[in-house]
Amino acid sequence: MAAEIPLLVFTDLDGTLIDHDTYQWDAATPALQALGSISAGIVLASSKTSAEIAPLRAALGLEDWPAIVENGAGMLPAHVRHIQGTSQHAKVRQTLSTLPAQIRRLFRGFGDVSAAEVAQMTGLTVPAAELAKQRHFSEPGQWLGSEVQKTEFVDALLDLGVQAQQGGRFLTLSFGGNKVDQMRRVIADCRPTHTIALGDAPNDVQMLEHADFGVIVRNPHRPPLPKLKGEDTGRIVRTDSPGPLGWNAAILSLLHRLDLH
């Protein structure tokens, strides 16, 4: 990684850079090429596992940059394809098993189901779902109970040292670390002149607010995020178009605004 770069972009994947339904990013190609032309860094930040992100990062030509994985519970270093030697996921699963059965059964984690069932939950193919189950740091899942029960569940886990983050589709459990924690580390290493963050879900909010410029990418499949600090001044903007189409327009607009060509 370069010691000093003009711009560092942190981006969520599903529903942001990647289309919610098709899992394609073609519509963002002009902006990706424009970022490449000014040697900007692009850091993928997702709830996806390292096994899922590594081939995506390679396909996007972004292996020179680290990727934030499993909702910020971990990091995939640049040029690394596989993370070795961590057992945090197993410890999260063990902690889950200590909860009272009546509250535990309301969380349907990836570790509770087969790859075929994860495919049904996510819309992924079965082979892709196998990669989503290869977890090192965290356990995502569906919440099947009420909001009141969810609060009880989250509080009980917090007492045991496990944190819960709500993403666009899943509740993700880990021993800590989120997207903005990892974002701060990358910024400290790279010392970019400007930073941009793009996302669409509650677990992206801190990242959006920490960046010099935040972009809330419209996702018609979920309720819009509440108004964030910085929207009144234009430091945080919202896209009109969803997914990679909105991502593309927002990046090109911000490059013009920053006079980066």
C-alpha atoms as a PDB file:
ATOM      1  CA  MET A   1       0.000   0.000   0.000  1.00  0.00           C
ATOM      2  CA  ALA A   2       1.150   3.534  -0.724  1.00  0.00           C
ATOM      3  CA  ALA A   3       2.156   5.625   2.291  1.00  0.00           C
ATOM      4  CA  GLU A   4       0.101   8.612   1.180  1.00  0.00           C
ATOM      5  CA  ILE A   5      -2.747   8.521  -1.322  1.00  0.00           C
ATOM      6  CA  PRO A   6      -5.201  11.157  -2.572  1.00  0.00           C
ATOM      7  CA  LEU A   7      -8.344   9.216  -1.715  1.00  0.00           C
ATOM      8  CA  LEU A   8      -9.378   6.112   0.199  1.00  0.00           C
ATOM      9  CA  VAL A   9     -12.849   4.669  -0.413  1.00  0.00           C
ATOM     10  CA  PHE A  10     -14.539   2.306   2.043  1.00  0.00           C
ATOM     11  CA  THR A  11     -17.530   0.504   0.614  1.00  0.00           C
ATOM     12  CA  ASP A  12     -20.142  -1.960   1.725  1.00  0.00           C
ATOM     13  CA  LEU A  13     -20.936  -4.689  -0.814  1.00  0.00           C
ATOM     14  CA  ASP A  14     -24.469  -6.153  -0.858  1.00  0.00           C
ATOM     15  CA  GLY A  15     -26.976  -3.476  -1.860  1.00  0.00           C
ATOM     16  CA  THR A  16     -24.189  -0.902  -2.251  1.00  0.00           C
ATOM     17  CA  LEU A  17     -21.389  -1.750  -4.701  1.00  0.00           C
ATOM     18  CA  ILE A  18     -23.087  -5.059  -5.530  1.00  0.00           C
ATOM     19  CA  ASP A  19     -26.696  -5.250  -6.730  1.00  0.00           C
ATOM     20  CA  HIS A  20     -29.056  -6.666  -4.090  1.00  0.00           C
ATOM     21  CA  ASP A  21     -30.675  -9.133  -6.491  1.00  0.00           C
ATOM     22  CA  THR A  22     -28.083  -9.956  -9.171  1.00  0.00           C
ATOM     23  CA  TYR A  23     -24.850  -9.665  -7.146  1.00  0.00           C
ATOM     24  CA  GLN A  24     -23.313  -7.763 -10.097  1.00  0.00           C
ATOM     25  CA  TRP A  25     -21.311  -4.505 -10.019  1.00  0.00           C
ATOM     26  CA  ASP A  26     -21.118  -3.685 -13.743  1.00  0.00           C
ATOM     27  CA  ALA A  27     -22.999  -0.401 -13.348  1.00  0.00           C
ATOM     28  CA  ALA A  28     -20.186   0.923 -11.134  1.00  0.00           C
ATOM     29  CA  THR A  29     -17.447   0.281 -13.703  1.00  0.00           C
ATOM     30  CA  PRO A  30     -16.988   3.941 -14.825  1.00  0.00           C
ATOM     31  CA  ALA A  31     -16.457   5.087 -11.239  1.00  0.00           C
ATOM     32  CA  LEU A  32     -14.150   2.158 -10.451  1.00  0.00           C
ATOM     33  CA  GLN A  33     -12.052   3.030 -13.493  1.00  0.00           C
ATOM     34  CA  ALA A  34     -11.984   6.709 -12.502  1.00  0.00           C
ATOM     35  CA  LEU A  35     -10.768   5.773  -9.016  1.00  0.00           C
ATOM     36  CA  GLY A  36      -8.081   3.582 -10.534  1.00  0.00           C
ATOM     37  CA  SER A  37      -6.900   6.416 -12.762  1.00  0.00           C
ATOM     38  CA  ILE A  38      -6.071   8.597  -9.734  1.00  0.00           C
ATOM     39  CA  SER A  39      -4.547   5.693  -7.731  1.00  0.00           C
ATOM     40  CA  ALA A  40      -7.278   5.831  -5.119  1.00  0.00           C
ATOM     41  CA  GLY A  41      -7.547   2.966  -2.660  1.00  0.00           C
ATOM     42  CA  ILE A  42     -10.754   0.931  -2.365  1.00  0.00           C
ATOM     43  CA  VAL A  43     -11.364  -1.061   0.798  1.00  0.00           C
ATOM     44  CA  LEU A  44     -14.254  -3.517   0.714  1.00  0.00           C
ATOM     45  CA  ALA A  45     -16.156  -3.571   4.025  1.00  0.00           C
ATOM     46  CA  SER A  46     -18.757  -6.268   4.407  1.00  0.00           C
ATOM     47  CA  SER A  47     -20.376  -8.895   6.574  1.00  0.00           C
ATOM     48  CA  LYS A  48     -18.984 -11.434   4.081  1.00  0.00           C
ATOM     49  CA  THR A  49     -16.289 -13.918   5.076  1.00  0.00           C
ATOM     50  CA  SER A  50     -12.708 -13.821   3.851  1.00  0.00           C
ATOM     51  CA  ALA A  51     -13.538 -16.844   1.653  1.00  0.00           C
ATOM     52  CA  GLU A  52     -16.285 -14.802  -0.035  1.00  0.00           C
ATOM     53  CA  ILE A  53     -14.429 -11.496  -0.257  1.00  0.00           C
ATOM     54  CA  ALA A  54     -11.079 -12.816  -1.524  1.00  0.00           C
ATOM     55  CA  PRO A  55     -12.373 -13.834  -5.000  1.00  0.00           C
ATOM     56  CA  LEU A  56     -14.526 -10.693  -5.226  1.00  0.00           C
ATOM     57  CA  ARG A  57     -11.574  -8.496  -4.342  1.00  0.00           C
ATOM     58  CA  ALA A  58      -9.473 -10.280  -6.969  1.00  0.00           C
ATOM     59  CA  ALA A  59     -12.188  -9.907  -9.628  1.00  0.00           C
ATOM     60  CA  LEU A  60     -12.389  -6.182  -8.860  1.00  0.00           C
ATOM     61  CA  GLY A  61      -8.607  -5.824  -9.069  1.00  0.00           C
ATOM     62  CA  LEU A  62      -8.341  -4.618  -5.468  1.00  0.00           C
ATOM     63  CA  GLU A  63      -5.883  -7.108  -3.960  1.00  0.00           C
ATOM     64  CA  ASP A  64      -3.439  -4.289  -3.147  1.00  0.00           C
ATOM     65  CA  TRP A  65      -5.868  -3.220  -0.409  1.00  0.00           C
ATOM     66  CA  PRO A  66      -7.048  -4.902   2.783  1.00  0.00           C
ATOM     67  CA  ALA A  67     -10.706  -5.846   3.139  1.00  0.00           C
ATOM     68  CA  ILE A  68     -12.877  -5.527   6.225  1.00  0.00           C
ATOM     69  CA  VAL A  69     -14.623  -8.866   6.744  1.00  0.00           C
ATOM     70  CA  GLU A  70     -17.419 -10.309   8.874  1.00  0.00           C
ATOM     71  CA  ASN A  71     -18.933  -6.923   9.690  1.00  0.00           C
ATOM     72  CA  GLY A  72     -15.639  -5.566  10.985  1.00  0.00           C
ATOM     73  CA  ALA A  73     -14.920  -8.424  13.375  1.00  0.00           C
ATOM     74  CA  GLY A  74     -11.816  -9.141  11.294  1.00  0.00           C
ATOM     75  CA  MET A  75      -9.561  -7.979   8.470  1.00  0.00           C
ATOM     76  CA  LEU A  76      -8.300  -9.748   5.354  1.00  0.00           C
ATOM     77  CA  PRO A  77      -4.823  -8.300   4.647  1.00  0.00           C
ATOM     78  CA  ALA A  78      -3.779  -7.226   1.160  1.00  0.00           C
ATOM     79  CA  HIS A  79      -2.659 -10.102  -1.102  1.00  0.00           C
ATOM     80  CA  VAL A  80      -3.865 -12.709   1.427  1.00  0.00           C
ATOM     81  CA  ARG A  81      -6.451 -15.234   0.257  1.00  0.00           C
ATOM     82  CA  HIS A  82      -6.990 -17.284   3.424  1.00  0.00           C
ATOM     83  CA  ILE A  83      -7.068 -16.403   7.124  1.00  0.00           C
ATOM     84  CA  GLN A  84      -5.494 -19.034   9.353  1.00  0.00           C
ATOM     85  CA  GLY A  85      -5.583 -19.910  13.023  1.00  0.00           C
ATOM     86  CA  THR A  86      -8.494 -18.091  14.655  1.00  0.00           C
ATOM     87  CA  SER A  87     -11.224 -19.694  16.749  1.00  0.00           C
ATOM     88  CA  GLN A  88     -13.378 -16.677  17.618  1.00  0.00           C
ATOM     89  CA  HIS A  89     -16.347 -18.049  15.654  1.00  0.00           C
ATOM     90  CA  ALA A  90     -16.323 -21.293  17.624  1.00  0.00           C
ATOM     91  CA  LYS A  91     -16.236 -19.309  20.876  1.00  0.00           C
ATOM     92  CA  VAL A  92     -19.220 -17.208  19.764  1.00  0.00           C
ATOM     93  CA  ARG A  93     -21.137 -20.406  19.002  1.00  0.00           C
ATOM     94  CA  GLN A  94     -20.194 -21.832  22.395  1.00  0.00           C
ATOM     95  CA  THR A  95     -21.424 -18.678  24.142  1.00  0.00           C
ATOM     96  CA  LEU A  96     -24.712 -18.896  22.237  1.00  0.00           C
ATOM     97  CA  SER A  97     -25.247 -22.414  23.548  1.00  0.00           C
ATOM     98  CA  THR A  98     -25.234 -21.148  27.149  1.00  0.00           C
ATOM     99  CA  LEU A  99     -28.334 -18.984  26.655  1.00  0.00           C
ATOM    100  CA  PRO A 100     -31.752 -20.186  27.868  1.00  0.00           C
ATOM    101  CA  ALA A 101     -33.351 -22.379  25.194  1.00  0.00           C
ATOM    102  CA  GLN A 102     -36.469 -20.203  24.865  1.00  0.00           C
ATOM    103  CA  ILE A 103     -34.404 -17.213  23.723  1.00  0.00           C
ATOM    104  CA  ARG A 104     -31.635 -19.130  21.918  1.00  0.00           C
ATOM    105  CA  ARG A 105     -34.081 -20.839  19.543  1.00  0.00           C
ATOM    106  CA  LEU A 106     -35.195 -17.443  18.187  1.00  0.00           C
ATOM    107  CA  PHE A 107     -31.784 -16.906  16.537  1.00  0.00           C
ATOM    108  CA  ARG A 108     -31.206 -18.993  13.402  1.00  0.00           C
ATOM    109  CA  GLY A 109     -27.487 -18.704  12.780  1.00  0.00           C
ATOM    110  CA  PHE A 110     -25.507 -19.821   9.752  1.00  0.00           C
ATOM    111  CA  GLY A 111     -23.925 -22.449  11.993  1.00  0.00           C
ATOM    112  CA  ASP A 112     -27.361 -23.883  12.813  1.00  0.00           C
ATOM    113  CA  VAL A 113     -28.265 -24.722   9.227  1.00  0.00           C
ATOM    114  CA  SER A 114     -26.920 -26.414   6.100  1.00  0.00           C
ATOM    115  CA  ALA A 115     -25.366 -24.658   3.114  1.00  0.00           C
ATOM    116  CA  ALA A 116     -28.616 -25.278   1.201  1.00  0.00           C
ATOM    117  CA  GLU A 117     -30.554 -23.478   3.932  1.00  0.00           C
ATOM    118  CA  VAL A 118     -28.059 -20.590   3.967  1.00  0.00           C
ATOM    119  CA  ALA A 119     -28.602 -20.383   0.202  1.00  0.00           C
ATOM    120  CA  GLN A 120     -32.353 -20.045   0.816  1.00  0.00           C
ATOM    121  CA  MET A 121     -31.773 -17.385   3.479  1.00  0.00           C
ATOM    122  CA  THR A 122     -29.433 -15.309   1.326  1.00  0.00           C
ATOM    123  CA  GLY A 123     -30.313 -15.974  -2.305  1.00  0.00           C
ATOM    124  CA  LEU A 124     -26.786 -17.302  -2.877  1.00  0.00           C
ATOM    125  CA  THR A 125     -25.988 -20.450  -4.796  1.00  0.00           C
ATOM    126  CA  VAL A 126     -25.155 -23.465  -2.640  1.00  0.00           C
ATOM    127  CA  PRO A 127     -21.407 -23.262  -3.464  1.00  0.00           C
ATOM    128  CA  ALA A 128     -21.429 -19.560  -2.529  1.00  0.00           C
ATOM    129  CA  ALA A 129     -23.319 -20.385   0.667  1.00  0.00           C
ATOM    130  CA  GLU A 130     -20.569 -22.866   1.564  1.00  0.00           C
ATOM    131  CA  LEU A 131     -18.125 -19.931   1.462  1.00  0.00           C
ATOM    132  CA  ALA A 132     -20.473 -17.848   3.625  1.00  0.00           C
ATOM    133  CA  LYS A 133     -20.366 -20.590   6.256  1.00  0.00           C
ATOM    134  CA  GLN A 134     -16.539 -20.509   6.423  1.00  0.00           C
ATOM    135  CA  ARG A 135     -16.467 -18.130   9.359  1.00  0.00           C
ATOM    136  CA  HIS A 136     -13.505 -17.041  11.475  1.00  0.00           C
ATOM    137  CA  PHE A 137     -14.756 -14.148  13.612  1.00  0.00           C
ATOM    138  CA  SER A 138     -18.552 -13.902  13.745  1.00  0.00           C
ATOM    139  CA  GLU A 139     -21.932 -15.622  13.445  1.00  0.00           C
ATOM    140  CA  PRO A 140     -24.710 -13.999  11.383  1.00  0.00           C
ATOM    141  CA  GLY A 141     -28.286 -15.181  11.501  1.00  0.00           C
ATOM    142  CA  GLN A 142     -31.976 -14.428  11.234  1.00  0.00           C
ATOM    143  CA  TRP A 143     -33.899 -13.109  14.215  1.00  0.00           C
ATOM    144  CA  LEU A 144     -37.203 -14.981  14.485  1.00  0.00           C
ATOM    145  CA  GLY A 145     -38.704 -13.307  17.548  1.00  0.00           C
ATOM    146  CA  SER A 146     -40.132  -9.929  18.522  1.00  0.00           C
ATOM    147  CA  GLU A 147     -38.164  -6.719  19.041  1.00  0.00           C
ATOM    148  CA  VAL A 148     -38.647  -7.037  22.802  1.00  0.00           C
ATOM    149  CA  GLN A 149     -37.227 -10.564  22.722  1.00  0.00           C
ATOM    150  CA  LYS A 150     -34.394  -9.363  20.500  1.00  0.00           C
ATOM    151  CA  THR A 151     -33.426  -6.760  23.103  1.00  0.00           C
ATOM    152  CA  GLU A 152     -33.406  -9.479  25.774  1.00  0.00           C
ATOM    153  CA  PHE A 153     -31.235 -11.678  23.524  1.00  0.00           C
ATOM    154  CA  VAL A 154     -28.757  -8.907  22.702  1.00  0.00           C
ATOM    155  CA  ASP A 155     -28.470  -7.828  26.352  1.00  0.00           C
ATOM    156  CA  ALA A 156     -27.914 -11.409  27.528  1.00  0.00           C
ATOM    157  CA  LEU A 157     -25.103 -11.866  24.998  1.00  0.00           C
ATOM    158  CA  LEU A 158     -23.543  -8.514  25.883  1.00  0.00           C
ATOM    159  CA  ASP A 159     -23.293  -9.663  29.503  1.00  0.00           C
ATOM    160  CA  LEU A 160     -21.246 -12.587  28.160  1.00  0.00           C
ATOM    161  CA  GLY A 161     -18.965 -10.377  26.059  1.00  0.00           C
ATOM    162  CA  VAL A 162     -20.655 -10.972  22.692  1.00  0.00           C
ATOM    163  CA  GLN A 163     -21.820  -7.960  20.664  1.00  0.00           C
ATOM    164  CA  ALA A 164     -24.664  -7.929  18.124  1.00  0.00           C
ATOM    165  CA  GLN A 165     -24.821  -5.710  15.023  1.00  0.00           C
ATOM    166  CA  GLN A 166     -27.865  -5.421  12.791  1.00  0.00           C
ATOM    167  CA  GLY A 167     -27.020  -5.429   9.094  1.00  0.00           C
ATOM    168  CA  GLY A 168     -29.257  -5.166   6.057  1.00  0.00           C
ATOM    169  CA  ARG A 169     -30.468  -8.773   6.361  1.00  0.00           C
ATOM    170  CA  PHE A 170     -28.875 -10.422   9.362  1.00  0.00           C
ATOM    171  CA  LEU A 171     -28.010  -9.942  13.012  1.00  0.00           C
ATOM    172  CA  THR A 172     -24.272 -10.618  13.379  1.00  0.00           C
ATOM    173  CA  LEU A 173     -22.653 -11.732  16.641  1.00  0.00           C
ATOM    174  CA  SER A 174     -18.968 -11.312  17.517  1.00  0.00           C
ATOM    175  CA  PHE A 175     -16.568 -10.499  20.344  1.00  0.00           C
ATOM    176  CA  GLY A 176     -16.283  -6.929  19.114  1.00  0.00           C
ATOM    177  CA  GLY A 177     -14.835  -4.902  16.320  1.00  0.00           C
ATOM    178  CA  ASN A 178     -16.902  -3.144  13.707  1.00  0.00           C
ATOM    179  CA  LYS A 179     -16.383  -1.554  10.328  1.00  0.00           C
ATOM    180  CA  VAL A 180     -15.322   1.826  11.700  1.00  0.00           C
ATOM    181  CA  ASP A 181     -12.753   0.243  14.055  1.00  0.00           C
ATOM    182  CA  GLN A 182     -11.036  -1.399  11.086  1.00  0.00           C
ATOM    183  CA  MET A 183     -11.517   1.734   8.975  1.00  0.00           C
ATOM    184  CA  ARG A 184      -9.544   3.782  11.519  1.00  0.00           C
ATOM    185  CA  ARG A 185      -6.655   1.308  11.334  1.00  0.00           C
ATOM    186  CA  VAL A 186      -6.455   1.480   7.550  1.00  0.00           C
ATOM    187  CA  ILE A 187      -6.620   5.279   7.565  1.00  0.00           C
ATOM    188  CA  ALA A 188      -3.791   5.418  10.111  1.00  0.00           C
ATOM    189  CA  ASP A 189      -1.669   3.174   7.885  1.00  0.00           C
ATOM    190  CA  CYS A 190      -2.422   4.912   4.564  1.00  0.00           C
ATOM    191  CA  ARG A 191      -2.818   8.577   5.587  1.00  0.00           C
ATOM    192  CA  PRO A 192      -5.160   9.472   2.692  1.00  0.00           C
ATOM    193  CA  THR A 193      -5.862  13.093   1.837  1.00  0.00           C
ATOM    194  CA  HIS A 194      -9.600  12.381   1.606  1.00  0.00           C
ATOM    195  CA  THR A 195     -11.896   9.522   2.625  1.00  0.00           C
ATOM    196  CA  ILE A 196     -15.280   8.430   1.287  1.00  0.00           C
ATOM    197  CA  ALA A 197     -17.527   5.733   2.745  1.00  0.00           C
ATOM    198  CA  LEU A 198     -20.574   4.182   1.073  1.00  0.00           C
ATOM    199  CA  GLY A 199     -23.233   1.933   2.599  1.00  0.00           C
ATOM    200  CA  ASP A 200     -26.924   1.209   2.953  1.00  0.00           C
ATOM    201  CA  ALA A 201     -27.506  -0.462   6.328  1.00  0.00           C
ATOM    202  CA  PRO A 202     -27.406   0.349  10.065  1.00  0.00           C
ATOM    203  CA  ASN A 203     -24.035  -1.375  10.438  1.00  0.00           C
ATOM    204  CA  ASP A 204     -22.586   1.171   7.951  1.00  0.00           C
ATOM    205  CA  VAL A 205     -23.649   4.298   9.876  1.00  0.00           C
ATOM    206  CA  GLN A 206     -20.485   4.777  11.950  1.00  0.00           C
ATOM    207  CA  MET A 207     -18.350   4.291   8.859  1.00  0.00           C
ATOM    208  CA  LEU A 208     -20.409   6.843   6.909  1.00  0.00           C
ATOM    209  CA  GLU A 209     -20.171   9.409   9.686  1.00  0.00           C
ATOM    210  CA  HIS A 210     -16.422   8.902  10.228  1.00  0.00           C
ATOM    211  CA  ALA A 211     -15.447   9.482   6.589  1.00  0.00           C
ATOM    212  CA  ASP A 212     -14.841  12.944   5.153  1.00  0.00           C
ATOM    213  CA  PHE A 213     -17.798  12.195   2.860  1.00  0.00           C
ATOM    214  CA  GLY A 214     -20.472   9.581   3.401  1.00  0.00           C
ATOM    215  CA  VAL A 215     -22.864   8.176   0.806  1.00  0.00           C
ATOM    216  CA  ILE A 216     -26.103   6.439   1.757  1.00  0.00           C
ATOM    217  CA  VAL A 217     -26.889   4.211  -1.206  1.00  0.00           C
ATOM    218  CA  ARG A 218     -30.609   3.741  -1.747  1.00  0.00           C
ATOM    219  CA  ASN A 219     -31.828   0.204  -1.144  1.00  0.00           C
ATOM    220  CA  PRO A 220     -35.522  -0.287  -1.975  1.00  0.00           C
ATOM    221  CA  HIS A 221     -35.451  -3.672  -0.222  1.00  0.00           C
ATOM    222  CA  ARG A 222     -35.136  -2.192   3.265  1.00  0.00           C
ATOM    223  CA  PRO A 223     -36.325   0.867   5.230  1.00  0.00           C
ATOM    224  CA  PRO A 224     -34.132   3.919   4.582  1.00  0.00           C
ATOM    225  CA  LEU A 225     -31.587   4.914   7.191  1.00  0.00           C
ATOM    226  CA  PRO A 226     -32.644   7.780   9.495  1.00  0.00           C
ATOM    227  CA  LYS A 227     -31.170  11.199   8.901  1.00  0.00           C
ATOM    228  CA  LEU A 228     -27.484  11.190   9.808  1.00  0.00           C
ATOM    229  CA  LYS A 229     -25.172  13.840  11.207  1.00  0.00           C
ATOM    230  CA  GLY A 230     -23.651  15.635   8.249  1.00  0.00           C
ATOM    231  CA  GLU A 231     -26.586  15.462   5.864  1.00  0.00           C
ATOM    232  CA  ASP A 232     -27.577  19.075   6.580  1.00  0.00           C
ATOM    233  CA  THR A 233     -24.136  20.298   5.481  1.00  0.00           C
ATOM    234  CA  GLY A 234     -23.844  17.980   2.475  1.00  0.00           C
ATOM    235  CA  ARG A 235     -21.020  15.969   4.005  1.00  0.00           C
ATOM    236  CA  ILE A 236     -23.309  12.947   3.799  1.00  0.00           C
ATOM    237  CA  VAL A 237     -25.481  12.489   0.711  1.00  0.00           C
ATOM    238  CA  ARG A 238     -28.072   9.992  -0.488  1.00  0.00           C
ATOM    239  CA  THR A 239     -28.245   8.458  -3.937  1.00  0.00           C
ATOM    240  CA  ASP A 240     -31.321   8.543  -6.123  1.00  0.00           C
ATOM    241  CA  SER A 241     -30.510   5.231  -7.781  1.00  0.00           C
ATOM    242  CA  PRO A 242     -29.983   1.958  -5.898  1.00  0.00           C
ATOM    243  CA  GLY A 243     -26.956  -0.307  -5.687  1.00  0.00           C
ATOM    244  CA  PRO A 244     -24.018   0.033  -8.085  1.00  0.00           C
ATOM    245  CA  LEU A 245     -25.844   2.569 -10.265  1.00  0.00           C
ATOM    246  CA  GLY A 246     -26.170   4.924  -7.298  1.00  0.00           C
ATOM    247  CA  TRP A 247     -22.619   4.068  -6.172  1.00  0.00           C
ATOM    248  CA  ASN A 248     -21.285   5.025  -9.582  1.00  0.00           C
ATOM    249  CA  ALA A 249     -23.099   8.373  -9.705  1.00  0.00           C
ATOM    250  CA  ALA A 250     -22.078   9.303  -6.162  1.00  0.00           C
ATOM    251  CA  ILE A 251     -18.367   8.542  -6.675  1.00  0.00           C
ATOM    252  CA  LEU A 252     -18.194  10.442  -9.975  1.00  0.00           C
ATOM    253  CA  SER A 253     -19.949  13.418  -8.351  1.00  0.00           C
ATOM    254  CA  LEU A 254     -17.591  13.432  -5.370  1.00  0.00           C
ATOM    255  CA  LEU A 255     -14.514  13.145  -7.584  1.00  0.00           C
ATOM    256  CA  HIS A 256     -15.718  16.247  -9.419  1.00  0.00           C
ATOM    257  CA  ARG A 257     -16.437  17.990  -6.110  1.00  0.00           C
ATOM    258  CA  LEU A 258     -12.915  17.181  -4.844  1.00  0.00           C
ATOM    259  CA  ASP A 259     -11.358  18.139  -8.195  1.00  0.00           C
ATOM    260  CA  LEU A 260      -9.800  14.679  -8.501  1.00  0.00           C
ATOM    261  CA  HIS A 261      -9.527  13.651 -12.145  1.00  0.00           C
END
